[in-house]
Amino acid sequence: NMMSCQKMNFFRSTSNYFEILDVILM
């Protein structure tokens, strides 16, 4: 549930910061 949280997916849509969320999810 944490990896598929809507809030985290929302931040992924911000192209300048997708690297941060990718590292966290990985």
mmCIF file of all heavy atoms, coordinates in Angstrom:
data_MODEL
# 
_entry.id   MODEL 
# 
loop_
_atom_site.group_PDB 
_atom_site.id 
_atom_site.type_symbol 
_atom_site.label_atom_id 
_atom_site.label_alt_id 
_atom_site.label_comp_id 
_atom_site.label_asym_id 
_atom_site.label_entity_id 
_atom_site.label_seq_id 
_atom_site.pdbx_PDB_ins_code 
_atom_site.Cartn_x 
_atom_site.Cartn_y 
_atom_site.Cartn_z 
_atom_site.occupancy 
_atom_site.B_iso_or_equiv 
_atom_site.pdbx_formal_charge 
_atom_site.auth_seq_id 
_atom_site.auth_comp_id 
_atom_site.auth_asym_id 
_atom_site.auth_atom_id 
_atom_site.pdbx_PDB_model_num 
ATOM 1   N N   . ASN A 1 1  ? 0.820  -1.208 0.000   1.00 0.00 ? 1  ASN A N   1 
ATOM 2   C CA  . ASN A 1 1  ? 0.000  0.000  0.000   1.00 0.00 ? 1  ASN A CA  1 
ATOM 3   C C   . ASN A 1 1  ? 0.854  1.258  0.000   1.00 0.00 ? 1  ASN A C   1 
ATOM 4   O O   . ASN A 1 1  ? 0.498  2.266  -0.612  1.00 0.00 ? 1  ASN A O   1 
ATOM 5   C CB  . ASN A 1 1  ? -0.931 0.009  1.212   1.00 0.00 ? 1  ASN A CB  1 
ATOM 6   C CG  . ASN A 1 1  ? -2.015 -1.054 1.122   1.00 0.00 ? 1  ASN A CG  1 
ATOM 7   O OD1 . ASN A 1 1  ? -2.329 -1.539 0.031   1.00 0.00 ? 1  ASN A OD1 1 
ATOM 8   N ND2 . ASN A 1 1  ? -2.570 -1.429 2.256   1.00 0.00 ? 1  ASN A ND2 1 
ATOM 9   N N   . MET A 1 2  ? 1.988  1.197  0.679   1.00 0.00 ? 2  MET A N   1 
ATOM 10  C CA  . MET A 1 2  ? 2.870  2.361  0.704   1.00 0.00 ? 2  MET A CA  1 
ATOM 11  C C   . MET A 1 2  ? 3.412  2.663  -0.687  1.00 0.00 ? 2  MET A C   1 
ATOM 12  O O   . MET A 1 2  ? 3.484  3.805  -1.113  1.00 0.00 ? 2  MET A O   1 
ATOM 13  C CB  . MET A 1 2  ? 4.027  2.125  1.679   1.00 0.00 ? 2  MET A CB  1 
ATOM 14  C CG  . MET A 1 2  ? 5.039  3.255  1.703   1.00 0.00 ? 2  MET A CG  1 
ATOM 15  S SD  . MET A 1 2  ? 6.396  2.976  2.852   1.00 0.00 ? 2  MET A SD  1 
ATOM 16  C CE  . MET A 1 2  ? 7.391  4.435  2.520   1.00 0.00 ? 2  MET A CE  1 
ATOM 17  N N   . MET A 1 3  ? 3.810  1.619  -1.416  1.00 0.00 ? 3  MET A N   1 
ATOM 18  C CA  . MET A 1 3  ? 4.387  1.830  -2.739  1.00 0.00 ? 3  MET A CA  1 
ATOM 19  C C   . MET A 1 3  ? 3.348  2.275  -3.757  1.00 0.00 ? 3  MET A C   1 
ATOM 20  O O   . MET A 1 3  ? 3.679  2.900  -4.758  1.00 0.00 ? 3  MET A O   1 
ATOM 21  C CB  . MET A 1 3  ? 5.077  0.546  -3.217  1.00 0.00 ? 3  MET A CB  1 
ATOM 22  C CG  . MET A 1 3  ? 6.337  0.212  -2.423  1.00 0.00 ? 3  MET A CG  1 
ATOM 23  S SD  . MET A 1 3  ? 7.219  -1.224 -3.053  1.00 0.00 ? 3  MET A SD  1 
ATOM 24  C CE  . MET A 1 3  ? 6.118  -2.526 -2.541  1.00 0.00 ? 3  MET A CE  1 
ATOM 25  N N   . SER A 1 4  ? 2.065  1.954  -3.512  1.00 0.00 ? 4  SER A N   1 
ATOM 26  C CA  . SER A 1 4  ? 1.013  2.333  -4.469  1.00 0.00 ? 4  SER A CA  1 
ATOM 27  C C   . SER A 1 4  ? 0.166  3.481  -3.967  1.00 0.00 ? 4  SER A C   1 
ATOM 28  O O   . SER A 1 4  ? -0.927 3.718  -4.480  1.00 0.00 ? 4  SER A O   1 
ATOM 29  C CB  . SER A 1 4  ? 0.122  1.122  -4.749  1.00 0.00 ? 4  SER A CB  1 
ATOM 30  O OG  . SER A 1 4  ? -0.510 0.674  -3.561  1.00 0.00 ? 4  SER A OG  1 
ATOM 31  N N   . CYS A 1 5  ? 0.678  4.190  -2.948  1.00 0.00 ? 5  CYS A N   1 
ATOM 32  C CA  . CYS A 1 5  ? -0.103 5.283  -2.361  1.00 0.00 ? 5  CYS A CA  1 
ATOM 33  C C   . CYS A 1 5  ? -0.327 6.384  -3.392  1.00 0.00 ? 5  CYS A C   1 
ATOM 34  O O   . CYS A 1 5  ? 0.547  6.739  -4.168  1.00 0.00 ? 5  CYS A O   1 
ATOM 35  C CB  . CYS A 1 5  ? 0.656  5.839  -1.151  1.00 0.00 ? 5  CYS A CB  1 
ATOM 36  S SG  . CYS A 1 5  ? -0.201 7.194  -0.338  1.00 0.00 ? 5  CYS A SG  1 
ATOM 37  N N   . GLN A 1 6  ? -1.535 6.935  -3.407  1.00 0.00 ? 6  GLN A N   1 
ATOM 38  C CA  . GLN A 1 6  ? -1.882 7.966  -4.380  1.00 0.00 ? 6  GLN A CA  1 
ATOM 39  C C   . GLN A 1 6  ? -1.047 9.224  -4.192  1.00 0.00 ? 6  GLN A C   1 
ATOM 40  O O   . GLN A 1 6  ? -0.674 9.890  -5.162  1.00 0.00 ? 6  GLN A O   1 
ATOM 41  C CB  . GLN A 1 6  ? -3.373 8.315  -4.263  1.00 0.00 ? 6  GLN A CB  1 
ATOM 42  C CG  . GLN A 1 6  ? -4.304 7.184  -4.679  1.00 0.00 ? 6  GLN A CG  1 
ATOM 43  C CD  . GLN A 1 6  ? -5.768 7.589  -4.590  1.00 0.00 ? 6  GLN A CD  1 
ATOM 44  O OE1 . GLN A 1 6  ? -6.084 8.700  -4.175  1.00 0.00 ? 6  GLN A OE1 1 
ATOM 45  N NE2 . GLN A 1 6  ? -6.635 6.679  -4.985  1.00 0.00 ? 6  GLN A NE2 1 
ATOM 46  N N   . LYS A 1 7  ? -0.700 9.555  -2.954  1.00 0.00 ? 7  LYS A N   1 
ATOM 47  C CA  . LYS A 1 7  ? 0.102  10.750 -2.710  1.00 0.00 ? 7  LYS A CA  1 
ATOM 48  C C   . LYS A 1 7  ? 1.483  10.608 -3.342  1.00 0.00 ? 7  LYS A C   1 
ATOM 49  O O   . LYS A 1 7  ? 2.010  11.549 -3.941  1.00 0.00 ? 7  LYS A O   1 
ATOM 50  C CB  . LYS A 1 7  ? 0.236  11.001 -1.207  1.00 0.00 ? 7  LYS A CB  1 
ATOM 51  C CG  . LYS A 1 7  ? -1.072 11.371 -0.524  1.00 0.00 ? 7  LYS A CG  1 
ATOM 52  C CD  . LYS A 1 7  ? -0.859 11.622 0.950   1.00 0.00 ? 7  LYS A CD  1 
ATOM 53  C CE  . LYS A 1 7  ? -2.167 12.024 1.632   1.00 0.00 ? 7  LYS A CE  1 
ATOM 54  N NZ  . LYS A 1 7  ? -1.980 12.279 3.078   1.00 0.00 ? 7  LYS A NZ  1 
ATOM 55  N N   . MET A 1 8  ? 2.063  9.419  -3.240  1.00 0.00 ? 8  MET A N   1 
ATOM 56  C CA  . MET A 1 8  ? 3.387  9.211  -3.819  1.00 0.00 ? 8  MET A CA  1 
ATOM 57  C C   . MET A 1 8  ? 3.305  9.219  -5.334  1.00 0.00 ? 8  MET A C   1 
ATOM 58  O O   . MET A 1 8  ? 4.196  9.734  -6.015  1.00 0.00 ? 8  MET A O   1 
ATOM 59  C CB  . MET A 1 8  ? 3.991  7.906  -3.291  1.00 0.00 ? 8  MET A CB  1 
ATOM 60  C CG  . MET A 1 8  ? 4.188  7.895  -1.790  1.00 0.00 ? 8  MET A CG  1 
ATOM 61  S SD  . MET A 1 8  ? 5.088  6.457  -1.187  1.00 0.00 ? 8  MET A SD  1 
ATOM 62  C CE  . MET A 1 8  ? 6.728  6.817  -1.790  1.00 0.00 ? 8  MET A CE  1 
ATOM 63  N N   . ASN A 1 9  ? 2.259  8.652  -5.887  1.00 0.00 ? 9  ASN A N   1 
ATOM 64  C CA  . ASN A 1 9  ? 2.090  8.687  -7.345  1.00 0.00 ? 9  ASN A CA  1 
ATOM 65  C C   . ASN A 1 9  ? 1.869  10.116 -7.839  1.00 0.00 ? 9  ASN A C   1 
ATOM 66  O O   . ASN A 1 9  ? 2.269  10.472 -8.947  1.00 0.00 ? 9  ASN A O   1 
ATOM 67  C CB  . ASN A 1 9  ? 0.913  7.809  -7.755  1.00 0.00 ? 9  ASN A CB  1 
ATOM 68  C CG  . ASN A 1 9  ? 1.235  6.328  -7.599  1.00 0.00 ? 9  ASN A CG  1 
ATOM 69  O OD1 . ASN A 1 9  ? 2.397  5.940  -7.736  1.00 0.00 ? 9  ASN A OD1 1 
ATOM 70  N ND2 . ASN A 1 9  ? 0.243  5.527  -7.305  1.00 0.00 ? 9  ASN A ND2 1 
ATOM 71  N N   . PHE A 1 10 ? 1.248  10.935 -6.993  1.00 0.00 ? 10 PHE A N   1 
ATOM 72  C CA  . PHE A 1 10 ? 1.068  12.340 -7.370  1.00 0.00 ? 10 PHE A CA  1 
ATOM 73  C C   . PHE A 1 10 ? 2.412  13.045 -7.501  1.00 0.00 ? 10 PHE A C   1 
ATOM 74  O O   . PHE A 1 10 ? 2.662  13.795 -8.454  1.00 0.00 ? 10 PHE A O   1 
ATOM 75  C CB  . PHE A 1 10 ? 0.196  13.041 -6.334  1.00 0.00 ? 10 PHE A CB  1 
ATOM 76  C CG  . PHE A 1 10 ? 0.213  14.549 -6.454  1.00 0.00 ? 10 PHE A CG  1 
ATOM 77  C CD1 . PHE A 1 10 ? -0.487 15.184 -7.460  1.00 0.00 ? 10 PHE A CD1 1 
ATOM 78  C CD2 . PHE A 1 10 ? 0.958  15.311 -5.557  1.00 0.00 ? 10 PHE A CD2 1 
ATOM 79  C CE1 . PHE A 1 10 ? -0.457 16.562 -7.567  1.00 0.00 ? 10 PHE A CE1 1 
ATOM 80  C CE2 . PHE A 1 10 ? 0.975  16.689 -5.664  1.00 0.00 ? 10 PHE A CE2 1 
ATOM 81  C CZ  . PHE A 1 10 ? 0.265  17.316 -6.667  1.00 0.00 ? 10 PHE A CZ  1 
ATOM 82  N N   . PHE A 1 11 ? 3.319  12.780 -6.537  1.00 0.00 ? 11 PHE A N   1 
ATOM 83  C CA  . PHE A 1 11 ? 4.624  13.426 -6.597  1.00 0.00 ? 11 PHE A CA  1 
ATOM 84  C C   . PHE A 1 11 ? 5.458  12.886 -7.758  1.00 0.00 ? 11 PHE A C   1 
ATOM 85  O O   . PHE A 1 11 ? 6.328  13.577 -8.280  1.00 0.00 ? 11 PHE A O   1 
ATOM 86  C CB  . PHE A 1 11 ? 5.368  13.231 -5.279  1.00 0.00 ? 11 PHE A CB  1 
ATOM 87  C CG  . PHE A 1 11 ? 4.721  13.942 -4.122  1.00 0.00 ? 11 PHE A CG  1 
ATOM 88  C CD1 . PHE A 1 11 ? 4.330  13.241 -2.994  1.00 0.00 ? 11 PHE A CD1 1 
ATOM 89  C CD2 . PHE A 1 11 ? 4.494  15.302 -4.168  1.00 0.00 ? 11 PHE A CD2 1 
ATOM 90  C CE1 . PHE A 1 11 ? 3.730  13.897 -1.934  1.00 0.00 ? 11 PHE A CE1 1 
ATOM 91  C CE2 . PHE A 1 11 ? 3.893  15.964 -3.112  1.00 0.00 ? 11 PHE A CE2 1 
ATOM 92  C CZ  . PHE A 1 11 ? 3.511  15.258 -1.992  1.00 0.00 ? 11 PHE A CZ  1 
ATOM 93  N N   . ARG A 1 12 ? 5.194  11.657 -8.164  1.00 0.00 ? 12 ARG A N   1 
ATOM 94  C CA  . ARG A 1 12 ? 5.916  11.091 -9.302  1.00 0.00 ? 12 ARG A CA  1 
ATOM 95  C C   . ARG A 1 12 ? 5.610  11.885 -10.578 1.00 0.00 ? 12 ARG A C   1 
ATOM 96  O O   . ARG A 1 12 ? 6.440  11.976 -11.483 1.00 0.00 ? 12 ARG A O   1 
ATOM 97  C CB  . ARG A 1 12 ? 5.543  9.623  -9.489  1.00 0.00 ? 12 ARG A CB  1 
ATOM 98  C CG  . ARG A 1 12 ? 6.256  8.953  -10.653 1.00 0.00 ? 12 ARG A CG  1 
ATOM 99  C CD  . ARG A 1 12 ? 5.659  7.582  -10.912 1.00 0.00 ? 12 ARG A CD  1 
ATOM 100 N NE  . ARG A 1 12 ? 6.001  6.667  -9.839  1.00 0.00 ? 12 ARG A NE  1 
ATOM 101 C CZ  . ARG A 1 12 ? 7.127  5.964  -9.809  1.00 0.00 ? 12 ARG A CZ  1 
ATOM 102 N NH1 . ARG A 1 12 ? 8.004  6.074  -10.780 1.00 0.00 ? 12 ARG A NH1 1 
ATOM 103 N NH2 . ARG A 1 12 ? 7.360  5.141  -8.811  1.00 0.00 ? 12 ARG A NH2 1 
ATOM 104 N N   . SER A 1 13 ? 4.421  12.450 -10.659 1.00 0.00 ? 13 SER A N   1 
ATOM 105 C CA  . SER A 1 13 ? 4.031  13.186 -11.857 1.00 0.00 ? 13 SER A CA  1 
ATOM 106 C C   . SER A 1 13 ? 4.809  14.476 -12.018 1.00 0.00 ? 13 SER A C   1 
ATOM 107 O O   . SER A 1 13 ? 4.817  15.076 -13.090 1.00 0.00 ? 13 SER A O   1 
ATOM 108 C CB  . SER A 1 13 ? 2.528  13.482 -11.819 1.00 0.00 ? 13 SER A CB  1 
ATOM 109 O OG  . SER A 1 13 ? 2.229  14.315 -10.707 1.00 0.00 ? 13 SER A OG  1 
ATOM 110 N N   . THR A 1 14 ? 5.474  14.942 -10.947 1.00 0.00 ? 14 THR A N   1 
ATOM 111 C CA  . THR A 1 14 ? 6.303  16.142 -11.033 1.00 0.00 ? 14 THR A CA  1 
ATOM 112 C C   . THR A 1 14 ? 7.653  15.742 -11.602 1.00 0.00 ? 14 THR A C   1 
ATOM 113 O O   . THR A 1 14 ? 8.468  15.115 -10.927 1.00 0.00 ? 14 THR A O   1 
ATOM 114 C CB  . THR A 1 14 ? 6.476  16.778 -9.642  1.00 0.00 ? 14 THR A CB  1 
ATOM 115 O OG1 . THR A 1 14 ? 5.190  16.961 -9.066  1.00 0.00 ? 14 THR A OG1 1 
ATOM 116 C CG2 . THR A 1 14 ? 7.178  18.116 -9.756  1.00 0.00 ? 14 THR A CG2 1 
ATOM 117 N N   . SER A 1 15 ? 7.888  16.082 -12.836 1.00 0.00 ? 15 SER A N   1 
ATOM 118 C CA  . SER A 1 15 ? 9.029  15.542 -13.571 1.00 0.00 ? 15 SER A CA  1 
ATOM 119 C C   . SER A 1 15 ? 10.360 15.882 -12.928 1.00 0.00 ? 15 SER A C   1 
ATOM 120 O O   . SER A 1 15 ? 11.314 15.112 -13.019 1.00 0.00 ? 15 SER A O   1 
ATOM 121 C CB  . SER A 1 15 ? 9.012  16.060 -15.016 1.00 0.00 ? 15 SER A CB  1 
ATOM 122 O OG  . SER A 1 15 ? 9.055  17.481 -15.028 1.00 0.00 ? 15 SER A OG  1 
ATOM 123 N N   . ASN A 1 16 ? 10.469 17.030 -12.228 1.00 0.00 ? 16 ASN A N   1 
ATOM 124 C CA  . ASN A 1 16 ? 11.746 17.438 -11.664 1.00 0.00 ? 16 ASN A CA  1 
ATOM 125 C C   . ASN A 1 16 ? 12.143 16.600 -10.461 1.00 0.00 ? 16 ASN A C   1 
ATOM 126 O O   . ASN A 1 16 ? 13.313 16.606 -10.063 1.00 0.00 ? 16 ASN A O   1 
ATOM 127 C CB  . ASN A 1 16 ? 11.690 18.917 -11.252 1.00 0.00 ? 16 ASN A CB  1 
ATOM 128 C CG  . ASN A 1 16 ? 11.559 19.837 -12.447 1.00 0.00 ? 16 ASN A CG  1 
ATOM 129 O OD1 . ASN A 1 16 ? 11.956 19.472 -13.560 1.00 0.00 ? 16 ASN A OD1 1 
ATOM 130 N ND2 . ASN A 1 16 ? 11.001 21.019 -12.235 1.00 0.00 ? 16 ASN A ND2 1 
ATOM 131 N N   . TYR A 1 17 ? 11.196 15.895 -9.855  1.00 0.00 ? 17 TYR A N   1 
ATOM 132 C CA  . TYR A 1 17 ? 11.485 15.180 -8.620  1.00 0.00 ? 17 TYR A CA  1 
ATOM 133 C C   . TYR A 1 17 ? 11.135 13.692 -8.695  1.00 0.00 ? 17 TYR A C   1 
ATOM 134 O O   . TYR A 1 17 ? 11.051 13.021 -7.653  1.00 0.00 ? 17 TYR A O   1 
ATOM 135 C CB  . TYR A 1 17 ? 10.715 15.827 -7.463  1.00 0.00 ? 17 TYR A CB  1 
ATOM 136 C CG  . TYR A 1 17 ? 10.997 17.306 -7.326  1.00 0.00 ? 17 TYR A CG  1 
ATOM 137 C CD1 . TYR A 1 17 ? 10.093 18.244 -7.807  1.00 0.00 ? 17 TYR A CD1 1 
ATOM 138 C CD2 . TYR A 1 17 ? 12.165 17.759 -6.745  1.00 0.00 ? 17 TYR A CD2 1 
ATOM 139 C CE1 . TYR A 1 17 ? 10.350 19.605 -7.705  1.00 0.00 ? 17 TYR A CE1 1 
ATOM 140 C CE2 . TYR A 1 17 ? 12.437 19.117 -6.636  1.00 0.00 ? 17 TYR A CE2 1 
ATOM 141 C CZ  . TYR A 1 17 ? 11.533 20.037 -7.120  1.00 0.00 ? 17 TYR A CZ  1 
ATOM 142 O OH  . TYR A 1 17 ? 11.800 21.376 -7.012  1.00 0.00 ? 17 TYR A OH  1 
ATOM 143 N N   . PHE A 1 18 ? 10.947 13.178 -9.883  1.00 0.00 ? 18 PHE A N   1 
ATOM 144 C CA  . PHE A 1 18 ? 10.594 11.755 -9.986  1.00 0.00 ? 18 PHE A CA  1 
ATOM 145 C C   . PHE A 1 18 ? 11.738 10.868 -9.519  1.00 0.00 ? 18 PHE A C   1 
ATOM 146 O O   . PHE A 1 18 ? 11.527 9.741  -9.048  1.00 0.00 ? 18 PHE A O   1 
ATOM 147 C CB  . PHE A 1 18 ? 10.204 11.402 -11.423 1.00 0.00 ? 18 PHE A CB  1 
ATOM 148 C CG  . PHE A 1 18 ? 11.351 11.397 -12.388 1.00 0.00 ? 18 PHE A CG  1 
ATOM 149 C CD1 . PHE A 1 18 ? 12.091 10.242 -12.596 1.00 0.00 ? 18 PHE A CD1 1 
ATOM 150 C CD2 . PHE A 1 18 ? 11.698 12.549 -13.090 1.00 0.00 ? 18 PHE A CD2 1 
ATOM 151 C CE1 . PHE A 1 18 ? 13.144 10.228 -13.491 1.00 0.00 ? 18 PHE A CE1 1 
ATOM 152 C CE2 . PHE A 1 18 ? 12.753 12.543 -13.981 1.00 0.00 ? 18 PHE A CE2 1 
ATOM 153 C CZ  . PHE A 1 18 ? 13.483 11.378 -14.187 1.00 0.00 ? 18 PHE A CZ  1 
ATOM 154 N N   . GLU A 1 19 ? 12.973 11.361 -9.614  1.00 0.00 ? 19 GLU A N   1 
ATOM 155 C CA  . GLU A 1 19 ? 14.120 10.553 -9.191  1.00 0.00 ? 19 GLU A CA  1 
ATOM 156 C C   . GLU A 1 19 ? 14.044 10.238 -7.702  1.00 0.00 ? 19 GLU A C   1 
ATOM 157 O O   . GLU A 1 19 ? 14.381 9.125  -7.267  1.00 0.00 ? 19 GLU A O   1 
ATOM 158 C CB  . GLU A 1 19 ? 15.421 11.304 -9.495  1.00 0.00 ? 19 GLU A CB  1 
ATOM 159 C CG  . GLU A 1 19 ? 16.672 10.527 -9.087  1.00 0.00 ? 19 GLU A CG  1 
ATOM 160 C CD  . GLU A 1 19 ? 17.934 11.336 -9.317  1.00 0.00 ? 19 GLU A CD  1 
ATOM 161 O OE1 . GLU A 1 19 ? 17.837 12.526 -9.678  1.00 0.00 ? 19 GLU A OE1 1 
ATOM 162 O OE2 . GLU A 1 19 ? 19.025 10.760 -9.111  1.00 0.00 ? 19 GLU A OE2 1 
ATOM 163 N N   . ILE A 1 20 ? 13.579 11.194 -6.904  1.00 0.00 ? 20 ILE A N   1 
ATOM 164 C CA  . ILE A 1 20 ? 13.481 10.995 -5.454  1.00 0.00 ? 20 ILE A CA  1 
ATOM 165 C C   . ILE A 1 20 ? 12.530 9.848  -5.139  1.00 0.00 ? 20 ILE A C   1 
ATOM 166 O O   . ILE A 1 20 ? 12.856 8.925  -4.376  1.00 0.00 ? 20 ILE A O   1 
ATOM 167 C CB  . ILE A 1 20 ? 13.014 12.292 -4.777  1.00 0.00 ? 20 ILE A CB  1 
ATOM 168 C CG1 . ILE A 1 20 ? 14.036 13.405 -5.009  1.00 0.00 ? 20 ILE A CG1 1 
ATOM 169 C CG2 . ILE A 1 20 ? 12.780 12.066 -3.292  1.00 0.00 ? 20 ILE A CG2 1 
ATOM 170 C CD1 . ILE A 1 20 ? 13.585 14.750 -4.495  1.00 0.00 ? 20 ILE A CD1 1 
ATOM 171 N N   . LEU A 1 21 ? 11.364 9.882  -5.747  1.00 0.00 ? 21 LEU A N   1 
ATOM 172 C CA  . LEU A 1 21 ? 10.367 8.863  -5.466  1.00 0.00 ? 21 LEU A CA  1 
ATOM 173 C C   . LEU A 1 21 ? 10.779 7.509  -6.035  1.00 0.00 ? 21 LEU A C   1 
ATOM 174 O O   . LEU A 1 21 ? 10.474 6.470  -5.446  1.00 0.00 ? 21 LEU A O   1 
ATOM 175 C CB  . LEU A 1 21 ? 9.017  9.295  -6.011  1.00 0.00 ? 21 LEU A CB  1 
ATOM 176 C CG  . LEU A 1 21 ? 8.437  10.535 -5.330  1.00 0.00 ? 21 LEU A CG  1 
ATOM 177 C CD1 . LEU A 1 21 ? 7.164  10.976 -6.019  1.00 0.00 ? 21 LEU A CD1 1 
ATOM 178 C CD2 . LEU A 1 21 ? 8.149  10.257 -3.866  1.00 0.00 ? 21 LEU A CD2 1 
ATOM 179 N N   . ASP A 1 22 ? 11.466 7.517  -7.167  1.00 0.00 ? 22 ASP A N   1 
ATOM 180 C CA  . ASP A 1 22 ? 11.945 6.242  -7.717  1.00 0.00 ? 22 ASP A CA  1 
ATOM 181 C C   . ASP A 1 22 ? 12.935 5.574  -6.764  1.00 0.00 ? 22 ASP A C   1 
ATOM 182 O O   . ASP A 1 22 ? 12.899 4.357  -6.550  1.00 0.00 ? 22 ASP A O   1 
ATOM 183 C CB  . ASP A 1 22 ? 12.598 6.478  -9.080  1.00 0.00 ? 22 ASP A CB  1 
ATOM 184 C CG  . ASP A 1 22 ? 11.565 6.676  -10.184 1.00 0.00 ? 22 ASP A CG  1 
ATOM 185 O OD1 . ASP A 1 22 ? 10.384 6.370  -9.920  1.00 0.00 ? 22 ASP A OD1 1 
ATOM 186 O OD2 . ASP A 1 22 ? 11.929 7.134  -11.275 1.00 0.00 ? 22 ASP A OD2 1 
ATOM 187 N N   . VAL A 1 23 ? 13.827 6.380  -6.191  1.00 0.00 ? 23 VAL A N   1 
ATOM 188 C CA  . VAL A 1 23 ? 14.798 5.827  -5.237  1.00 0.00 ? 23 VAL A CA  1 
ATOM 189 C C   . VAL A 1 23 ? 14.081 5.283  -4.006  1.00 0.00 ? 23 VAL A C   1 
ATOM 190 O O   . VAL A 1 23 ? 14.396 4.197  -3.509  1.00 0.00 ? 23 VAL A O   1 
ATOM 191 C CB  . VAL A 1 23 ? 15.826 6.898  -4.831  1.00 0.00 ? 23 VAL A CB  1 
ATOM 192 C CG1 . VAL A 1 23 ? 16.700 6.395  -3.675  1.00 0.00 ? 23 VAL A CG1 1 
ATOM 193 C CG2 . VAL A 1 23 ? 16.704 7.283  -6.010  1.00 0.00 ? 23 VAL A CG2 1 
ATOM 194 N N   . ILE A 1 24 ? 13.090 6.017  -3.506  1.00 0.00 ? 24 ILE A N   1 
ATOM 195 C CA  . ILE A 1 24 ? 12.353 5.572  -2.317  1.00 0.00 ? 24 ILE A CA  1 
ATOM 196 C C   . ILE A 1 24 ? 11.597 4.287  -2.594  1.00 0.00 ? 24 ILE A C   1 
ATOM 197 O O   . ILE A 1 24 ? 11.646 3.324  -1.804  1.00 0.00 ? 24 ILE A O   1 
ATOM 198 C CB  . ILE A 1 24 ? 11.387 6.689  -1.859  1.00 0.00 ? 24 ILE A CB  1 
ATOM 199 C CG1 . ILE A 1 24 ? 12.181 7.874  -1.322  1.00 0.00 ? 24 ILE A CG1 1 
ATOM 200 C CG2 . ILE A 1 24 ? 10.428 6.162  -0.800  1.00 0.00 ? 24 ILE A CG2 1 
ATOM 201 C CD1 . ILE A 1 24 ? 11.331 9.063  -0.960  1.00 0.00 ? 24 ILE A CD1 1 
ATOM 202 N N   . LEU A 1 25 ? 10.908 4.236  -3.709  1.00 0.00 ? 25 LEU A N   1 
ATOM 203 C CA  . LEU A 1 25 ? 10.139 3.036  -4.044  1.00 0.00 ? 25 LEU A CA  1 
ATOM 204 C C   . LEU A 1 25 ? 11.055 1.835  -4.261  1.00 0.00 ? 25 LEU A C   1 
ATOM 205 O O   . LEU A 1 25 ? 10.727 0.711  -3.870  1.00 0.00 ? 25 LEU A O   1 
ATOM 206 C CB  . LEU A 1 25 ? 9.284  3.295  -5.285  1.00 0.00 ? 25 LEU A CB  1 
ATOM 207 C CG  . LEU A 1 25 ? 8.158  4.324  -5.113  1.00 0.00 ? 25 LEU A CG  1 
ATOM 208 C CD1 . LEU A 1 25 ? 7.460  4.585  -6.441  1.00 0.00 ? 25 LEU A CD1 1 
ATOM 209 C CD2 . LEU A 1 25 ? 7.146  3.838  -4.075  1.00 0.00 ? 25 LEU A CD2 1 
ATOM 210 N N   . MET A 1 26 ? 12.206 2.065  -4.889  1.00 0.00 ? 26 MET A N   1 
ATOM 211 C CA  . MET A 1 26 ? 13.153 0.969  -5.087  1.00 0.00 ? 26 MET A CA  1 
ATOM 212 C C   . MET A 1 26 ? 13.701 0.474  -3.750  1.00 0.00 ? 26 MET A C   1 
ATOM 213 O O   . MET A 1 26 ? 13.857 -0.734 -3.529  1.00 0.00 ? 26 MET A O   1 
ATOM 214 C CB  . MET A 1 26 ? 14.299 1.418  -5.986  1.00 0.00 ? 26 MET A CB  1 
ATOM 215 C CG  . MET A 1 26 ? 15.297 0.303  -6.283  1.00 0.00 ? 26 MET A CG  1 
ATOM 216 S SD  . MET A 1 26 ? 16.702 0.868  -7.258  1.00 0.00 ? 26 MET A SD  1 
ATOM 217 C CE  . MET A 1 26 ? 17.475 1.974  -6.108  1.00 0.00 ? 26 MET A CE  1 
# 
